[in-house]
Amino acid sequence: MKIMAGGIVAGMGFGAVTSLVNALSSPYMELGMSFTGTVWAKAAKVLSLLMDAGWSWAALAVAMGWMAGTWVRGALVGALALVAATVAYYVTDAFVSGAGTDMVTWLMVGLPFGLVLGVVGAAIRQPGLVGLLAALTVPMGAAVQMVVMPPRPHLTLTPAIILAEVIVWTAAVLGAGWAVYRFWTERRAALFMQRVQSG
C-alpha cells in the first residue's frame, strides 16, 4: 500500500513540476515572462526539454516498477504513477497557462503503457537476459527518441537544446553501459560458481 501511495505522489510531483517548468521556460507564458533572459529561464528550458519527453515519462513508470519489486505491483504502481502524472500535469497547466486539455487521451495512453513499463521496471531485478533487456529499455528508448524526435522545438540549435541533447545521450550511454556491465558481472559470477561446484 505504501508503494502505491508513493507512486501516486511521485507521479503527481513529476507531472506538476513538468508543467511548471514548461511555463517558466516560455517567454510567452505569464510565469515565464519575468524570467526571460535570466539564467533561471535557461535552466528551465533545459529542464523542460528533459522532462517533457516521452522517455522521461517512461522512466518514471519504470523507476516506480523497479521500486515496487514484483511484476504485479510494478504494473500497478507504474500505471498509477503515469495516471497521477498526467492528471497533475493538466491540472497544473490549467492554472499556470489556462491551456485546454487532452487529458483523457493521454490517460488512455498512459494506463496501458504504465502497466507495461511498471512490469519492465520490476523485471530489471531479474538476473540474466530478462534483467538486461529490461534495464536497457529506458536508455534505448531515450536514444531512439533522440534520433527520431530530438528535443528541437526551434529550427536553430540553441545552447539549451545542445545541453539537453548532451545530457540525454550521456545518460543513455551510461545507463546502457551499467546494464551490460551488470549482466556480464552476474554471468561471470555464475560461471565461476559452476566451476567451483563442478571442480
N, C-alpha and C. Protein backbone atom coordinates (compact mmCIF):
# COMPACT_ATOMS: atom_id res chain seq x y z
N MET A 1 0.83 -1.20 0.00
CA MET A 1 0.00 0.00 0.00
C MET A 1 0.87 1.26 0.00
N LYS A 2 1.97 1.20 0.73
CA LYS A 2 2.86 2.35 0.82
C LYS A 2 3.49 2.66 -0.54
N ILE A 3 3.85 1.60 -1.30
CA ILE A 3 4.46 1.82 -2.61
C ILE A 3 3.45 2.39 -3.59
N MET A 4 2.17 2.01 -3.44
CA MET A 4 1.13 2.56 -4.31
C MET A 4 0.99 4.07 -4.05
N ALA A 5 0.94 4.44 -2.79
CA ALA A 5 0.86 5.86 -2.43
C ALA A 5 2.09 6.60 -2.93
N GLY A 6 3.25 5.95 -2.81
CA GLY A 6 4.49 6.56 -3.30
C GLY A 6 4.45 6.81 -4.80
N GLY A 7 3.88 5.85 -5.54
CA GLY A 7 3.75 6.01 -6.99
C GLY A 7 2.86 7.18 -7.35
N ILE A 8 1.75 7.31 -6.61
CA ILE A 8 0.83 8.43 -6.87
C ILE A 8 1.50 9.76 -6.57
N VAL A 9 2.17 9.84 -5.42
CA VAL A 9 2.84 11.09 -5.03
C VAL A 9 3.95 11.45 -6.01
N ALA A 10 4.76 10.44 -6.38
CA ALA A 10 5.85 10.70 -7.33
C ALA A 10 5.29 11.15 -8.68
N GLY A 11 4.23 10.50 -9.13
CA GLY A 11 3.61 10.88 -10.40
C GLY A 11 3.06 12.29 -10.36
N MET A 12 2.34 12.63 -9.28
CA MET A 12 1.79 13.98 -9.16
C MET A 12 2.89 15.02 -9.15
N GLY A 13 3.95 14.75 -8.41
CA GLY A 13 5.08 15.68 -8.36
C GLY A 13 5.72 15.86 -9.71
N PHE A 14 5.94 14.74 -10.42
CA PHE A 14 6.57 14.80 -11.73
C PHE A 14 5.72 15.58 -12.73
N GLY A 15 4.42 15.27 -12.76
CA GLY A 15 3.54 15.95 -13.70
C GLY A 15 3.43 17.45 -13.42
N ALA A 16 3.26 17.81 -12.14
CA ALA A 16 3.12 19.22 -11.78
C ALA A 16 4.40 19.99 -12.07
N VAL A 17 5.55 19.42 -11.72
CA VAL A 17 6.83 20.10 -11.95
C VAL A 17 7.09 20.25 -13.45
N THR A 18 6.75 19.23 -14.24
CA THR A 18 6.93 19.33 -15.69
C THR A 18 6.12 20.48 -16.27
N SER A 19 4.88 20.60 -15.84
CA SER A 19 4.03 21.69 -16.32
C SER A 19 4.58 23.05 -15.89
N LEU A 20 5.00 23.16 -14.63
CA LEU A 20 5.56 24.43 -14.13
C LEU A 20 6.84 24.81 -14.87
N VAL A 21 7.71 23.84 -15.09
CA VAL A 21 8.96 24.10 -15.79
C VAL A 21 8.69 24.55 -17.22
N ASN A 22 7.71 23.92 -17.87
CA ASN A 22 7.33 24.36 -19.22
C ASN A 22 6.88 25.82 -19.22
N ALA A 23 6.06 26.17 -18.24
CA ALA A 23 5.55 27.55 -18.15
C ALA A 23 6.68 28.54 -17.86
N LEU A 24 7.59 28.16 -16.97
CA LEU A 24 8.70 29.04 -16.62
C LEU A 24 9.68 29.22 -17.77
N SER A 25 9.79 28.20 -18.63
CA SER A 25 10.76 28.27 -19.72
C SER A 25 10.25 29.05 -20.92
N SER A 26 8.96 29.36 -20.94
CA SER A 26 8.38 30.04 -22.11
C SER A 26 8.26 31.54 -21.87
N PRO A 27 8.84 32.35 -22.75
CA PRO A 27 8.69 33.81 -22.61
C PRO A 27 7.27 34.29 -22.95
N TYR A 28 6.46 33.37 -23.49
CA TYR A 28 5.09 33.74 -23.89
C TYR A 28 4.06 33.45 -22.80
N MET A 29 4.48 32.77 -21.74
CA MET A 29 3.59 32.48 -20.62
C MET A 29 3.79 33.53 -19.54
N GLU A 30 2.75 33.79 -18.79
CA GLU A 30 2.83 34.82 -17.74
C GLU A 30 3.93 34.51 -16.73
N LEU A 31 4.04 33.25 -16.33
CA LEU A 31 5.08 32.87 -15.36
C LEU A 31 6.48 33.06 -15.94
N GLY A 32 6.65 32.73 -17.21
CA GLY A 32 7.97 32.79 -17.82
C GLY A 32 8.43 34.17 -18.22
N MET A 33 7.50 35.09 -18.41
CA MET A 33 7.86 36.44 -18.88
C MET A 33 8.85 37.14 -17.95
N SER A 34 8.64 37.01 -16.65
CA SER A 34 9.51 37.72 -15.70
C SER A 34 10.90 37.11 -15.62
N PHE A 35 11.06 35.87 -16.13
CA PHE A 35 12.36 35.21 -16.09
C PHE A 35 13.11 35.29 -17.41
N THR A 36 12.48 35.87 -18.41
CA THR A 36 13.07 35.92 -19.75
C THR A 36 14.47 36.55 -19.71
N GLY A 37 15.43 35.85 -20.33
CA GLY A 37 16.79 36.36 -20.41
C GLY A 37 17.65 36.06 -19.21
N THR A 38 17.10 35.44 -18.17
CA THR A 38 17.88 35.14 -16.97
C THR A 38 18.42 33.71 -17.04
N VAL A 39 19.35 33.42 -16.14
CA VAL A 39 19.90 32.08 -16.05
C VAL A 39 18.83 31.08 -15.65
N TRP A 40 17.82 31.55 -14.90
CA TRP A 40 16.73 30.67 -14.47
C TRP A 40 15.89 30.24 -15.66
N ALA A 41 15.67 31.14 -16.58
CA ALA A 41 14.91 30.80 -17.79
C ALA A 41 15.66 29.76 -18.62
N LYS A 42 16.98 29.92 -18.70
CA LYS A 42 17.80 28.96 -19.47
C LYS A 42 17.78 27.59 -18.80
N ALA A 43 17.89 27.59 -17.47
CA ALA A 43 17.85 26.31 -16.74
C ALA A 43 16.48 25.66 -16.90
N ALA A 44 15.42 26.47 -16.83
CA ALA A 44 14.06 25.94 -17.00
C ALA A 44 13.88 25.36 -18.39
N LYS A 45 14.49 25.98 -19.40
CA LYS A 45 14.38 25.48 -20.78
C LYS A 45 15.02 24.11 -20.90
N VAL A 46 16.20 23.94 -20.32
CA VAL A 46 16.88 22.63 -20.36
C VAL A 46 16.02 21.59 -19.65
N LEU A 47 15.54 21.94 -18.44
CA LEU A 47 14.69 21.00 -17.69
C LEU A 47 13.42 20.67 -18.46
N SER A 48 12.84 21.65 -19.13
CA SER A 48 11.64 21.42 -19.91
C SER A 48 11.90 20.43 -21.04
N LEU A 49 13.01 20.60 -21.73
CA LEU A 49 13.36 19.68 -22.81
C LEU A 49 13.61 18.27 -22.31
N LEU A 50 14.12 18.15 -21.07
CA LEU A 50 14.39 16.83 -20.49
C LEU A 50 13.13 16.18 -19.94
N MET A 51 12.33 16.94 -19.22
CA MET A 51 11.18 16.36 -18.52
C MET A 51 9.97 16.15 -19.41
N ASP A 52 9.80 17.01 -20.40
CA ASP A 52 8.62 16.92 -21.26
C ASP A 52 8.92 16.06 -22.48
N ALA A 53 9.57 14.92 -22.26
CA ALA A 53 9.92 14.00 -23.33
C ALA A 53 9.36 12.62 -22.99
N GLY A 54 8.99 11.88 -24.00
CA GLY A 54 8.39 10.57 -23.78
C GLY A 54 9.24 9.63 -22.95
N TRP A 55 10.57 9.67 -23.20
CA TRP A 55 11.44 8.73 -22.48
C TRP A 55 11.47 9.03 -20.99
N SER A 56 11.35 10.31 -20.61
CA SER A 56 11.41 10.63 -19.17
C SER A 56 10.12 10.21 -18.47
N TRP A 57 8.98 10.30 -19.16
CA TRP A 57 7.73 9.80 -18.59
C TRP A 57 7.78 8.28 -18.47
N ALA A 58 8.37 7.63 -19.48
CA ALA A 58 8.55 6.18 -19.41
C ALA A 58 9.47 5.81 -18.25
N ALA A 59 10.52 6.61 -18.05
CA ALA A 59 11.46 6.35 -16.95
C ALA A 59 10.77 6.44 -15.60
N LEU A 60 9.79 7.33 -15.48
CA LEU A 60 9.02 7.44 -14.23
C LEU A 60 8.33 6.12 -13.92
N ALA A 61 7.62 5.56 -14.90
CA ALA A 61 6.90 4.30 -14.69
C ALA A 61 7.86 3.15 -14.43
N VAL A 62 8.97 3.12 -15.15
CA VAL A 62 9.97 2.06 -14.96
C VAL A 62 10.58 2.15 -13.56
N ALA A 63 10.92 3.35 -13.13
CA ALA A 63 11.50 3.53 -11.79
C ALA A 63 10.53 3.10 -10.70
N MET A 64 9.26 3.44 -10.87
CA MET A 64 8.25 3.03 -9.89
C MET A 64 8.08 1.51 -9.87
N GLY A 65 8.12 0.89 -11.05
CA GLY A 65 8.04 -0.56 -11.13
C GLY A 65 9.22 -1.23 -10.47
N TRP A 66 10.41 -0.66 -10.66
CA TRP A 66 11.61 -1.20 -10.04
C TRP A 66 11.50 -1.12 -8.52
N MET A 67 11.00 0.01 -8.02
CA MET A 67 10.84 0.17 -6.57
C MET A 67 9.79 -0.80 -6.01
N ALA A 68 8.76 -1.10 -6.81
CA ALA A 68 7.70 -2.00 -6.34
C ALA A 68 8.21 -3.42 -6.16
N GLY A 69 9.14 -3.84 -6.99
CA GLY A 69 9.78 -5.15 -6.80
C GLY A 69 9.16 -6.29 -7.58
N THR A 70 7.87 -6.55 -7.43
CA THR A 70 7.25 -7.67 -8.14
C THR A 70 6.55 -7.18 -9.40
N TRP A 71 6.30 -8.08 -10.33
CA TRP A 71 5.73 -7.70 -11.61
C TRP A 71 4.32 -7.14 -11.45
N VAL A 72 3.51 -7.76 -10.59
CA VAL A 72 2.13 -7.30 -10.40
C VAL A 72 2.11 -5.93 -9.75
N ARG A 73 2.86 -5.79 -8.66
CA ARG A 73 2.91 -4.47 -8.00
C ARG A 73 3.55 -3.43 -8.92
N GLY A 74 4.56 -3.86 -9.67
CA GLY A 74 5.22 -2.95 -10.61
C GLY A 74 4.24 -2.41 -11.65
N ALA A 75 3.41 -3.30 -12.19
CA ALA A 75 2.41 -2.88 -13.18
C ALA A 75 1.45 -1.87 -12.57
N LEU A 76 0.96 -2.16 -11.37
CA LEU A 76 0.00 -1.26 -10.73
C LEU A 76 0.63 0.10 -10.41
N VAL A 77 1.81 0.08 -9.84
CA VAL A 77 2.47 1.34 -9.45
C VAL A 77 2.89 2.14 -10.67
N GLY A 78 3.37 1.46 -11.72
CA GLY A 78 3.74 2.16 -12.95
C GLY A 78 2.54 2.87 -13.56
N ALA A 79 1.40 2.17 -13.60
CA ALA A 79 0.18 2.76 -14.15
C ALA A 79 -0.31 3.92 -13.28
N LEU A 80 -0.30 3.72 -11.96
CA LEU A 80 -0.74 4.79 -11.05
C LEU A 80 0.14 6.03 -11.20
N ALA A 81 1.44 5.82 -11.33
CA ALA A 81 2.36 6.95 -11.45
C ALA A 81 2.09 7.75 -12.72
N LEU A 82 1.88 7.06 -13.85
CA LEU A 82 1.63 7.79 -15.10
C LEU A 82 0.26 8.47 -15.10
N VAL A 83 -0.73 7.81 -14.53
CA VAL A 83 -2.06 8.42 -14.44
C VAL A 83 -2.00 9.67 -13.56
N ALA A 84 -1.36 9.55 -12.40
CA ALA A 84 -1.24 10.69 -11.48
C ALA A 84 -0.44 11.81 -12.13
N ALA A 85 0.63 11.47 -12.85
CA ALA A 85 1.45 12.49 -13.51
C ALA A 85 0.64 13.22 -14.58
N THR A 86 -0.15 12.49 -15.34
CA THR A 86 -0.97 13.09 -16.39
C THR A 86 -2.00 14.06 -15.81
N VAL A 87 -2.71 13.60 -14.76
CA VAL A 87 -3.72 14.46 -14.13
C VAL A 87 -3.06 15.72 -13.56
N ALA A 88 -1.95 15.53 -12.83
CA ALA A 88 -1.27 16.68 -12.22
C ALA A 88 -0.75 17.64 -13.28
N TYR A 89 -0.25 17.10 -14.37
CA TYR A 89 0.28 17.94 -15.46
C TYR A 89 -0.82 18.84 -16.01
N TYR A 90 -1.96 18.25 -16.35
CA TYR A 90 -3.02 19.04 -16.98
C TYR A 90 -3.75 19.96 -15.99
N VAL A 91 -3.87 19.54 -14.75
CA VAL A 91 -4.47 20.42 -13.74
C VAL A 91 -3.56 21.64 -13.53
N THR A 92 -2.25 21.39 -13.41
CA THR A 92 -1.30 22.50 -13.25
C THR A 92 -1.30 23.39 -14.48
N ASP A 93 -1.34 22.78 -15.66
CA ASP A 93 -1.40 23.55 -16.91
C ASP A 93 -2.60 24.49 -16.93
N ALA A 94 -3.73 24.00 -16.46
CA ALA A 94 -4.94 24.82 -16.45
C ALA A 94 -4.77 26.05 -15.56
N PHE A 95 -4.02 25.91 -14.46
CA PHE A 95 -3.81 27.03 -13.55
C PHE A 95 -2.73 27.99 -14.05
N VAL A 96 -1.61 27.44 -14.55
CA VAL A 96 -0.48 28.32 -14.90
C VAL A 96 -0.59 28.92 -16.30
N SER A 97 -1.31 28.26 -17.20
CA SER A 97 -1.36 28.80 -18.56
C SER A 97 -2.76 28.88 -19.13
N GLY A 98 -3.73 28.35 -18.41
CA GLY A 98 -5.10 28.38 -18.91
C GLY A 98 -5.27 27.57 -20.17
N ALA A 99 -4.36 26.60 -20.38
CA ALA A 99 -4.39 25.81 -21.61
C ALA A 99 -5.55 24.82 -21.59
N GLY A 100 -6.02 24.49 -22.78
CA GLY A 100 -7.03 23.44 -22.92
C GLY A 100 -6.40 22.10 -22.58
N THR A 101 -7.21 21.08 -22.56
CA THR A 101 -6.68 19.80 -22.13
C THR A 101 -7.09 18.66 -23.04
N ASP A 102 -6.16 17.76 -23.29
CA ASP A 102 -6.48 16.48 -23.91
C ASP A 102 -6.09 15.37 -22.93
N MET A 103 -6.42 15.64 -21.66
CA MET A 103 -6.05 14.75 -20.57
C MET A 103 -6.61 13.34 -20.76
N VAL A 104 -7.85 13.24 -21.21
CA VAL A 104 -8.47 11.92 -21.35
C VAL A 104 -7.70 11.06 -22.36
N THR A 105 -7.28 11.67 -23.45
CA THR A 105 -6.48 10.95 -24.45
C THR A 105 -5.20 10.41 -23.84
N TRP A 106 -4.49 11.27 -23.10
CA TRP A 106 -3.22 10.84 -22.51
C TRP A 106 -3.41 9.87 -21.36
N LEU A 107 -4.54 9.93 -20.67
CA LEU A 107 -4.84 8.93 -19.64
C LEU A 107 -5.04 7.56 -20.30
N MET A 108 -5.71 7.55 -21.44
CA MET A 108 -5.94 6.28 -22.15
C MET A 108 -4.63 5.71 -22.68
N VAL A 109 -3.69 6.57 -23.00
CA VAL A 109 -2.36 6.11 -23.44
C VAL A 109 -1.52 5.69 -22.24
N GLY A 110 -1.57 6.51 -21.19
CA GLY A 110 -0.71 6.29 -20.02
C GLY A 110 -1.03 5.03 -19.24
N LEU A 111 -2.30 4.67 -19.17
CA LEU A 111 -2.69 3.50 -18.37
C LEU A 111 -2.06 2.21 -18.90
N PRO A 112 -2.25 1.84 -20.18
CA PRO A 112 -1.61 0.60 -20.64
C PRO A 112 -0.08 0.68 -20.66
N PHE A 113 0.45 1.84 -21.06
CA PHE A 113 1.91 1.98 -21.07
C PHE A 113 2.46 1.90 -19.65
N GLY A 114 1.75 2.48 -18.70
CA GLY A 114 2.20 2.41 -17.31
C GLY A 114 2.24 0.98 -16.79
N LEU A 115 1.24 0.19 -17.15
CA LEU A 115 1.22 -1.23 -16.75
C LEU A 115 2.44 -1.96 -17.29
N VAL A 116 2.69 -1.79 -18.59
CA VAL A 116 3.81 -2.48 -19.24
C VAL A 116 5.15 -1.99 -18.70
N LEU A 117 5.30 -0.68 -18.60
CA LEU A 117 6.58 -0.13 -18.15
C LEU A 117 6.84 -0.43 -16.67
N GLY A 118 5.78 -0.53 -15.88
CA GLY A 118 5.95 -0.93 -14.48
C GLY A 118 6.48 -2.35 -14.38
N VAL A 119 5.98 -3.24 -15.24
CA VAL A 119 6.49 -4.62 -15.28
C VAL A 119 7.96 -4.63 -15.71
N VAL A 120 8.28 -3.79 -16.70
CA VAL A 120 9.67 -3.68 -17.16
C VAL A 120 10.57 -3.26 -16.00
N GLY A 121 10.11 -2.28 -15.22
CA GLY A 121 10.90 -1.82 -14.08
C GLY A 121 11.13 -2.93 -13.07
N ALA A 122 10.08 -3.70 -12.76
CA ALA A 122 10.23 -4.81 -11.82
C ALA A 122 11.15 -5.88 -12.38
N ALA A 123 11.12 -6.07 -13.71
CA ALA A 123 11.94 -7.10 -14.36
C ALA A 123 13.43 -6.76 -14.33
N ILE A 124 13.77 -5.49 -14.10
CA ILE A 124 15.19 -5.12 -14.01
C ILE A 124 15.88 -5.91 -12.91
N ARG A 125 15.13 -6.27 -11.87
CA ARG A 125 15.71 -7.02 -10.75
C ARG A 125 16.05 -8.47 -11.13
N GLN A 126 15.51 -8.95 -12.25
CA GLN A 126 15.75 -10.34 -12.65
C GLN A 126 17.17 -10.51 -13.16
N PRO A 127 17.78 -11.66 -12.88
CA PRO A 127 19.11 -11.91 -13.44
C PRO A 127 19.01 -12.32 -14.91
N GLY A 128 20.14 -12.32 -15.58
CA GLY A 128 20.19 -12.82 -16.95
C GLY A 128 19.66 -11.86 -17.99
N LEU A 129 19.24 -12.46 -19.12
CA LEU A 129 18.83 -11.69 -20.28
C LEU A 129 17.58 -10.86 -20.01
N VAL A 130 16.65 -11.37 -19.22
CA VAL A 130 15.43 -10.62 -18.90
C VAL A 130 15.78 -9.31 -18.21
N GLY A 131 16.63 -9.39 -17.19
CA GLY A 131 17.05 -8.19 -16.48
C GLY A 131 17.81 -7.23 -17.36
N LEU A 132 18.65 -7.78 -18.26
CA LEU A 132 19.43 -6.93 -19.17
C LEU A 132 18.50 -6.16 -20.11
N LEU A 133 17.58 -6.86 -20.74
CA LEU A 133 16.66 -6.20 -21.68
C LEU A 133 15.79 -5.17 -20.98
N ALA A 134 15.34 -5.50 -19.78
CA ALA A 134 14.53 -4.54 -19.01
C ALA A 134 15.34 -3.30 -18.67
N ALA A 135 16.60 -3.50 -18.25
CA ALA A 135 17.44 -2.37 -17.87
C ALA A 135 17.82 -1.51 -19.07
N LEU A 136 17.79 -2.09 -20.27
CA LEU A 136 18.13 -1.33 -21.48
C LEU A 136 16.94 -0.54 -22.03
N THR A 137 15.75 -0.79 -21.52
CA THR A 137 14.54 -0.18 -22.10
C THR A 137 14.59 1.34 -22.11
N VAL A 138 14.85 1.96 -20.98
CA VAL A 138 14.85 3.43 -20.92
C VAL A 138 16.03 4.02 -21.69
N PRO A 139 17.27 3.53 -21.49
CA PRO A 139 18.38 4.10 -22.27
C PRO A 139 18.17 3.97 -23.78
N MET A 140 17.70 2.81 -24.23
CA MET A 140 17.49 2.61 -25.66
C MET A 140 16.31 3.46 -26.16
N GLY A 141 15.27 3.56 -25.32
CA GLY A 141 14.13 4.40 -25.68
C GLY A 141 14.54 5.86 -25.83
N ALA A 142 15.38 6.33 -24.91
CA ALA A 142 15.87 7.71 -24.98
C ALA A 142 16.70 7.91 -26.25
N ALA A 143 17.56 6.95 -26.56
CA ALA A 143 18.40 7.06 -27.76
C ALA A 143 17.56 7.07 -29.03
N VAL A 144 16.55 6.20 -29.09
CA VAL A 144 15.68 6.16 -30.26
C VAL A 144 14.93 7.48 -30.40
N GLN A 145 14.42 8.00 -29.30
CA GLN A 145 13.70 9.28 -29.36
C GLN A 145 14.63 10.40 -29.81
N MET A 146 15.88 10.37 -29.37
CA MET A 146 16.84 11.40 -29.77
C MET A 146 17.11 11.37 -31.27
N VAL A 147 17.04 10.19 -31.87
CA VAL A 147 17.27 10.07 -33.31
C VAL A 147 16.00 10.43 -34.08
N VAL A 148 14.87 9.87 -33.66
CA VAL A 148 13.62 10.04 -34.39
C VAL A 148 12.97 11.40 -34.13
N MET A 149 12.96 11.81 -32.86
CA MET A 149 12.28 13.05 -32.47
C MET A 149 13.09 13.79 -31.41
N PRO A 150 14.25 14.37 -31.79
CA PRO A 150 15.08 15.06 -30.80
C PRO A 150 14.38 16.29 -30.24
N PRO A 151 14.81 16.74 -29.05
CA PRO A 151 14.16 17.89 -28.42
C PRO A 151 14.56 19.20 -29.08
N ARG A 152 14.01 19.44 -30.27
CA ARG A 152 14.37 20.65 -31.01
C ARG A 152 13.11 21.41 -31.41
N PRO A 153 12.58 22.22 -30.49
CA PRO A 153 11.37 22.97 -30.81
C PRO A 153 11.62 24.11 -31.81
N HIS A 154 12.90 24.44 -32.04
CA HIS A 154 13.24 25.53 -32.97
C HIS A 154 14.03 24.95 -34.14
N LEU A 155 14.05 25.67 -35.23
CA LEU A 155 14.84 25.23 -36.38
C LEU A 155 16.33 25.39 -36.12
N THR A 156 16.69 26.38 -35.31
CA THR A 156 18.10 26.60 -34.99
C THR A 156 18.44 25.98 -33.65
N LEU A 157 19.66 25.49 -33.55
CA LEU A 157 20.13 24.92 -32.29
C LEU A 157 20.46 26.04 -31.31
N THR A 158 19.98 25.91 -30.10
CA THR A 158 20.31 26.86 -29.04
C THR A 158 21.19 26.15 -28.02
N PRO A 159 21.88 26.90 -27.15
CA PRO A 159 22.67 26.25 -26.11
C PRO A 159 21.84 25.31 -25.22
N ALA A 160 20.59 25.68 -24.93
CA ALA A 160 19.74 24.83 -24.10
C ALA A 160 19.45 23.50 -24.79
N ILE A 161 19.18 23.55 -26.09
CA ILE A 161 18.91 22.32 -26.84
C ILE A 161 20.15 21.44 -26.88
N ILE A 162 21.30 22.05 -27.15
CA ILE A 162 22.55 21.28 -27.21
C ILE A 162 22.84 20.63 -25.86
N LEU A 163 22.69 21.39 -24.77
CA LEU A 163 22.95 20.85 -23.44
C LEU A 163 21.98 19.71 -23.12
N ALA A 164 20.71 19.89 -23.44
CA ALA A 164 19.72 18.84 -23.19
C ALA A 164 20.07 17.57 -23.96
N GLU A 165 20.47 17.72 -25.22
CA GLU A 165 20.83 16.55 -26.02
C GLU A 165 22.07 15.85 -25.47
N VAL A 166 23.05 16.63 -25.04
CA VAL A 166 24.26 16.04 -24.45
C VAL A 166 23.91 15.26 -23.18
N ILE A 167 23.05 15.83 -22.35
CA ILE A 167 22.64 15.16 -21.11
C ILE A 167 21.93 13.85 -21.41
N VAL A 168 21.01 13.88 -22.38
CA VAL A 168 20.25 12.66 -22.71
C VAL A 168 21.18 11.59 -23.27
N TRP A 169 22.03 11.96 -24.23
CA TRP A 169 22.94 10.97 -24.81
C TRP A 169 23.90 10.40 -23.76
N THR A 170 24.41 11.27 -22.89
CA THR A 170 25.32 10.80 -21.83
C THR A 170 24.61 9.84 -20.89
N ALA A 171 23.41 10.20 -20.47
CA ALA A 171 22.65 9.33 -19.57
C ALA A 171 22.29 8.01 -20.24
N ALA A 172 21.95 8.06 -21.54
CA ALA A 172 21.61 6.83 -22.26
C ALA A 172 22.81 5.89 -22.36
N VAL A 173 23.97 6.46 -22.66
CA VAL A 173 25.19 5.64 -22.77
C VAL A 173 25.57 5.06 -21.40
N LEU A 174 25.51 5.88 -20.36
CA LEU A 174 25.85 5.40 -19.02
C LEU A 174 24.85 4.34 -18.55
N GLY A 175 23.56 4.56 -18.82
CA GLY A 175 22.55 3.58 -18.42
C GLY A 175 22.72 2.26 -19.13
N ALA A 176 22.96 2.30 -20.44
CA ALA A 176 23.18 1.07 -21.20
C ALA A 176 24.47 0.38 -20.75
N GLY A 177 25.50 1.18 -20.51
CA GLY A 177 26.77 0.61 -20.03
C GLY A 177 26.61 -0.08 -18.70
N TRP A 178 25.87 0.53 -17.78
CA TRP A 178 25.62 -0.10 -16.48
C TRP A 178 24.87 -1.41 -16.64
N ALA A 179 23.85 -1.44 -17.52
CA ALA A 179 23.06 -2.65 -17.73
C ALA A 179 23.92 -3.79 -18.26
N VAL A 180 24.75 -3.48 -19.26
CA VAL A 180 25.62 -4.50 -19.84
C VAL A 180 26.67 -4.96 -18.83
N TYR A 181 27.26 -4.02 -18.11
CA TYR A 181 28.26 -4.37 -17.08
C TYR A 181 27.67 -5.29 -16.02
N ARG A 182 26.46 -4.97 -15.55
CA ARG A 182 25.81 -5.80 -14.54
C ARG A 182 25.55 -7.20 -15.07
N PHE A 183 25.10 -7.28 -16.34
CA PHE A 183 24.81 -8.57 -16.96
C PHE A 183 26.07 -9.43 -17.02
N TRP A 184 27.18 -8.85 -17.51
CA TRP A 184 28.41 -9.62 -17.65
C TRP A 184 29.00 -9.99 -16.29
N THR A 185 28.88 -9.11 -15.32
CA THR A 185 29.37 -9.41 -13.97
C THR A 185 28.61 -10.58 -13.36
N GLU A 186 27.28 -10.57 -13.50
CA GLU A 186 26.47 -11.67 -12.99
C GLU A 186 26.79 -12.97 -13.72
N ARG A 187 26.98 -12.87 -15.02
CA ARG A 187 27.28 -14.07 -15.82
C ARG A 187 28.62 -14.67 -15.42
N ARG A 188 29.64 -13.81 -15.25
CA ARG A 188 30.96 -14.31 -14.83
C ARG A 188 30.88 -14.96 -13.46
N ALA A 189 30.13 -14.34 -12.54
CA ALA A 189 29.97 -14.89 -11.20
C ALA A 189 29.28 -16.24 -11.25
N ALA A 190 28.26 -16.38 -12.11
CA ALA A 190 27.55 -17.66 -12.23
C ALA A 190 28.47 -18.74 -12.81
N LEU A 191 29.28 -18.37 -13.82
CA LEU A 191 30.22 -19.33 -14.41
C LEU A 191 31.28 -19.76 -13.39
N PHE A 192 31.75 -18.79 -12.60
CA PHE A 192 32.73 -19.09 -11.57
C PHE A 192 32.16 -20.08 -10.56
N MET A 193 30.92 -19.87 -10.14
CA MET A 193 30.29 -20.75 -9.15
C MET A 193 30.09 -22.16 -9.73
N GLN A 194 29.76 -22.24 -11.03
CA GLN A 194 29.62 -23.55 -11.67
C GLN A 194 30.94 -24.31 -11.64
N ARG A 195 32.03 -23.60 -11.95
CA ARG A 195 33.34 -24.24 -11.95
C ARG A 195 33.72 -24.72 -10.55
N VAL A 196 33.44 -23.88 -9.56
CA VAL A 196 33.75 -24.25 -8.17
C VAL A 196 32.97 -25.49 -7.76
N GLN A 197 31.68 -25.53 -8.11
CA GLN A 197 30.84 -26.65 -7.71
C GLN A 197 31.20 -27.92 -8.46
N SER A 198 31.63 -27.78 -9.73
CA SER A 198 31.96 -28.98 -10.52
C SER A 198 33.39 -29.46 -10.28
N GLY A 199 34.23 -28.56 -9.76
CA GLY A 199 35.64 -28.94 -9.61
C GLY A 199 36.02 -29.10 -8.19
